[in-house]
Protein backbone atom coordinates (compact mmCIF):
# COMPACT_ATOMS: atom_id res chain seq x y z
CA MET A 1 62.77 45.08 112.99
CA SER A 2 64.52 45.18 109.55
CA GLU A 3 65.22 49.06 109.80
CA ILE A 4 67.02 48.13 113.42
CA ILE A 5 69.29 45.18 111.42
CA LYS A 6 69.73 47.60 108.59
CA ASP A 7 71.20 50.34 110.85
CA ILE A 8 73.29 48.41 112.76
CA LEU A 9 74.70 47.03 109.41
CA ARG A 10 75.37 50.37 108.31
CA ALA A 11 76.91 51.25 111.40
CA VAL A 12 79.43 48.34 111.28
CA ALA A 13 80.12 48.69 107.92
CA SER A 14 80.81 52.79 108.37
CA SER A 15 83.01 51.79 111.42
CA LEU A 16 85.56 49.86 109.62
CA GLN A 17 85.82 52.34 107.01
CA ILE A 18 88.84 54.27 108.92
CA PRO A 19 90.28 50.79 110.19
CA THR A 20 90.66 49.45 106.56
CA ILE A 21 92.01 52.66 105.64
CA ILE A 22 94.63 52.34 107.95
CA ILE A 23 95.39 48.81 107.11
CA LEU A 24 96.06 49.81 103.85
CA LEU A 25 98.34 52.57 104.61
CA LEU A 26 100.12 49.99 106.41
CA LEU A 27 100.24 47.84 103.38
CA ILE A 28 101.86 50.14 101.07
CA LEU A 29 104.29 51.02 103.79
CA ALA A 30 105.10 47.06 103.90
CA THR A 31 104.91 47.46 100.50
CA ILE A 32 107.91 50.03 99.86
CA VAL A 33 110.26 48.60 102.35
CA LEU A 34 109.32 44.82 100.73
CA LEU A 35 110.58 46.51 97.32
CA GLY A 36 113.70 48.31 99.10
CA THR A 37 114.41 44.79 100.49
CA PHE A 38 114.21 43.49 97.27
CA ILE A 39 116.32 45.99 95.36
CA ALA A 40 118.77 45.58 97.99
CA GLU A 41 119.27 41.39 97.92
CA LEU A 42 119.03 42.02 93.72
CA PHE A 43 122.22 44.45 94.28
CA THR A 44 123.94 42.46 96.95
CA GLU A 45 123.23 38.61 97.38
CA ARG A 46 121.70 37.77 93.58
CA LYS A 47 124.32 40.07 92.11
CA ALA A 48 127.55 38.13 94.51
CA LEU A 49 125.88 34.78 93.33
CA LYS A 50 128.63 33.97 90.13
CA VAL A 51 129.40 30.08 90.34
CA ASN A 52 128.87 27.72 88.01
CA ILE A 53 127.48 24.25 89.99
CA PRO A 54 128.74 21.84 87.34
CA ALA A 55 132.12 23.32 87.23
CA LEU A 56 132.24 23.49 91.07
CA ILE A 57 131.13 19.89 91.23
CA ASP A 58 133.98 18.86 89.17
CA ASP A 59 136.35 20.67 91.23
CA MET A 60 134.99 19.27 94.33
CA GLN A 61 135.88 15.61 92.99
CA GLY A 62 138.62 14.05 94.70
CA LYS A 63 139.31 16.50 97.12
CA ASN A 64 139.73 15.47 101.33
CA THR A 65 137.85 17.42 104.00
CA THR A 66 140.79 20.50 103.77
CA GLU A 67 140.21 20.61 99.98
CA LEU A 68 136.79 20.62 99.59
CA ASP A 69 136.27 23.37 102.18
CA ALA A 70 138.95 25.16 100.30
CA VAL A 71 137.18 24.79 97.21
CA VAL A 72 133.69 25.94 99.06
CA SER A 73 135.58 28.84 100.21
CA GLY A 74 136.69 30.23 97.03
CA SER A 75 133.57 29.40 94.99
CA GLY A 76 131.18 32.21 93.99
CA LEU A 77 128.38 30.62 96.42
CA LEU A 78 126.36 32.52 98.92
CA LYS A 79 127.91 33.07 102.26
CA ARG A 80 124.78 30.91 103.56
CA GLN A 81 125.47 28.20 101.03
CA LYS A 82 129.34 28.56 102.23
CA ASP A 83 128.25 28.41 105.77
CA ALA A 84 125.81 25.31 105.21
CA ALA A 85 128.44 23.02 103.26
CA HIS A 86 131.02 24.07 105.94
CA GLU A 87 129.01 22.98 108.87
CA LEU A 88 128.64 19.30 107.11
CA ILE A 89 132.51 19.49 105.59
CA VAL A 90 133.86 19.80 109.32
CA ARG A 91 131.70 17.10 110.50
CA ILE A 92 133.35 14.17 108.74
CA LYS A 93 133.91 11.62 111.77
CA TYR A 94 130.43 12.15 112.55
CA PRO A 95 128.70 8.48 111.30
CA ASN A 96 126.81 8.15 107.96
CA ASP A 97 123.57 8.28 108.75
CA THR A 98 124.19 11.42 111.49
CA ARG A 99 125.63 13.14 108.40
CA GLU A 100 123.02 12.55 106.34
CA ALA A 101 120.58 13.61 108.60
CA LEU A 102 122.76 16.86 109.22
CA ALA A 103 122.54 17.64 105.79
CA ARG A 104 118.67 17.10 105.52
CA GLN A 105 118.32 19.31 108.56
CA ILE A 106 120.47 21.83 106.96
CA ILE A 107 119.01 22.02 103.53
CA SER A 108 115.36 21.79 105.90
CA ASP A 109 116.28 25.14 107.80
CA GLU A 110 117.21 26.98 104.15
CA GLU A 111 113.83 26.27 103.35
CA SER A 112 112.43 27.62 106.17
CA ARG A 113 114.23 30.42 106.00
CA TYR A 114 113.39 31.43 102.41
CA SER A 115 109.76 29.96 102.96
CA LYS A 116 109.15 32.90 105.73
CA ILE A 117 110.63 35.59 103.14
CA THR A 118 108.12 34.87 100.55
CA LYS A 119 104.96 33.85 102.66
CA PHE A 120 105.14 37.88 103.91
CA THR A 121 104.80 38.95 100.40
CA ASP A 122 102.07 36.09 99.57
CA ILE A 123 100.48 37.27 102.64
CA ILE A 124 100.24 41.09 101.22
CA ALA A 125 99.44 39.64 97.71
CA ARG A 126 96.14 38.21 98.36
CA VAL A 127 94.91 40.26 101.40
CA ALA A 128 95.84 43.79 100.23
CA PRO A 129 93.14 43.54 97.65
CA MET A 130 90.65 42.03 99.84
CA PHE A 131 91.09 45.43 102.12
CA GLY A 132 91.25 47.45 98.84
CA LEU A 133 87.69 45.88 98.16
CA MET A 134 86.56 46.86 101.21
CA GLY A 135 87.39 50.20 100.92
CA THR A 136 86.02 50.48 97.90
CA LEU A 137 82.54 48.89 98.75
CA ILE A 138 82.38 50.62 102.57
CA PRO A 139 81.81 54.56 101.19
CA LEU A 140 79.60 53.63 98.90
CA GLY A 141 76.81 53.07 100.96
CA PRO A 142 76.66 56.51 102.52
CA GLY A 143 77.84 57.41 98.55
CA LEU A 144 74.58 56.21 96.99
CA ILE A 145 72.20 58.06 100.08
CA ALA A 146 73.99 61.03 99.04
CA LEU A 147 73.07 60.56 95.52
CA ALA A 148 69.35 60.30 96.40
CA GLN A 149 69.13 63.25 98.32
CA GLY A 150 70.87 65.33 95.62
CA ASP A 151 74.21 65.47 97.48
CA THR A 152 76.96 65.54 94.85
CA LYS A 153 79.69 66.87 97.20
CA THR A 154 79.13 63.45 99.87
CA LEU A 155 79.01 61.23 96.71
CA SER A 156 82.24 62.58 95.11
CA GLU A 157 84.09 62.38 98.18
CA SER A 158 82.61 58.62 98.67
CA LEU A 159 83.79 57.86 94.85
CA LEU A 160 87.22 59.40 95.37
CA ILE A 161 87.98 57.20 98.33
CA ALA A 162 86.48 54.38 96.84
CA PHE A 163 88.81 54.62 93.90
CA ASP A 164 91.80 55.66 95.88
CA THR A 165 91.37 52.57 98.65
CA THR A 166 91.05 50.02 95.28
CA VAL A 167 94.20 51.30 93.46
CA ALA A 168 95.70 51.50 96.96
CA GLY A 169 95.16 47.68 97.39
CA LEU A 170 96.06 46.53 93.83
CA ILE A 171 99.14 48.39 93.51
CA SER A 172 100.19 46.55 97.02
CA ALA A 173 98.88 43.02 95.70
CA ALA A 174 100.80 43.32 92.37
CA VAL A 175 104.29 44.46 93.90
CA ALA A 176 104.31 41.88 96.21
CA TYR A 177 102.73 39.12 93.67
CA VAL A 178 106.04 40.02 91.22
CA ILE A 179 108.24 40.55 94.09
CA SER A 180 107.16 36.90 95.46
CA GLY A 181 107.31 34.80 92.15
CA ILE A 182 111.01 36.70 91.12
CA ARG A 183 112.20 35.47 94.96
CA LYS A 184 110.38 31.74 94.43
CA GLY A 185 112.39 31.46 91.44
CA TRP A 186 115.61 32.28 93.01
CA TYR A 187 115.12 30.79 95.74
CA GLU A 188 114.53 27.42 94.19
CA THR A 189 117.72 27.37 92.44
CA TYR A 190 119.78 28.51 95.77
CA MET A 191 118.17 25.27 96.96
CA VAL A 192 118.97 23.09 94.11
CA GLY A 193 122.44 23.94 93.94
CA LEU A 194 122.97 23.37 97.39
CA GLU A 195 121.48 20.12 97.53
CA THR A 196 123.80 19.16 94.93
CA ILE A 197 126.84 20.43 96.75
CA MET A 198 125.61 18.88 100.09
CA GLU A 199 125.46 15.56 98.36
CA THR A 200 128.68 15.68 96.55
CA ILE A 201 130.16 16.64 100.06
CA LEU A 202 128.61 13.45 101.44
CA GLU A 203 130.00 11.28 98.44
CA GLU A 204 133.62 12.80 98.88
CA GLN A 205 133.15 12.22 102.41
CA ASN A 206 132.36 8.68 102.53
CA ARG A 207 135.08 7.90 100.07
CA GLU A 208 137.59 9.58 102.20
CA ARG A 209 136.44 7.52 104.77
CA LEU A 210 136.54 4.23 103.40
CA LYS A 211 139.85 5.09 101.70
CA ALA A 212 141.25 5.87 105.67
CA TYR A 213 139.80 2.67 106.44
CA ARG A 214 141.41 0.88 104.14
CA ALA A 215 144.74 1.87 104.77
CA LEU A 216 144.20 1.15 108.39
CA GLN A 217 143.21 -2.24 107.34
CA LYS A 218 146.03 -2.49 105.38
CA LYS A 219 148.35 -1.67 107.96
CA GLN A 220 147.00 -3.71 110.48
CA THR A 221 147.38 -6.51 108.14
CA ALA A 222 150.97 -5.74 107.82
CA LYS A 223 151.75 -5.49 111.30
CA GLU A 224 150.01 -9.05 111.75
CA ASP A 225 152.30 -10.47 108.81
CA SER A 226 155.22 -9.04 110.40
CA GLU A 227 154.67 -10.58 113.90
């Protein structure tokens, strides 16, 4: 009975060798694509981001809606940050609570987008070593049997597969881990800057709305006095 169980386990393990190698090849391919997108992002978005958030906030002080939009459009923010700010700026007529909810929704959408990007790299960083370990252990069974039988050729082939799959898994995981860490730092900076800008826009819109309300009240008071 025990021999049957051992044969079944050995057959299952042996059948997983080719799928494991295929998955490792796909992970390597995904890592290459990931590295390409990272380099592209580095030389496009990251290089284009030339903004001093405190200086930008200073420029936004005391501005009306049109002026706020012009300041944001002319800044060195990323296009996505400009679009997000514009979505809030043009909705100055919305009630205060609605605009605050909209600002939170826009920020949440941006966080979700960045989270999806980093989640993909995190999955590769976690999964690749597992498949690398599987690719290492699966060939060792036939290799040990070959060693007992004095078949050095089969043993060497098994060890080569074990070493190659280990290296493939570790390289994929290492590259994905580094890229994920760098991107998380970038995206955290983006989100802090966006939150600061959105808060400033809300404050300036509230100030503008209050100013318009006071002007309207003053006009109505003057009209009543004249009557």
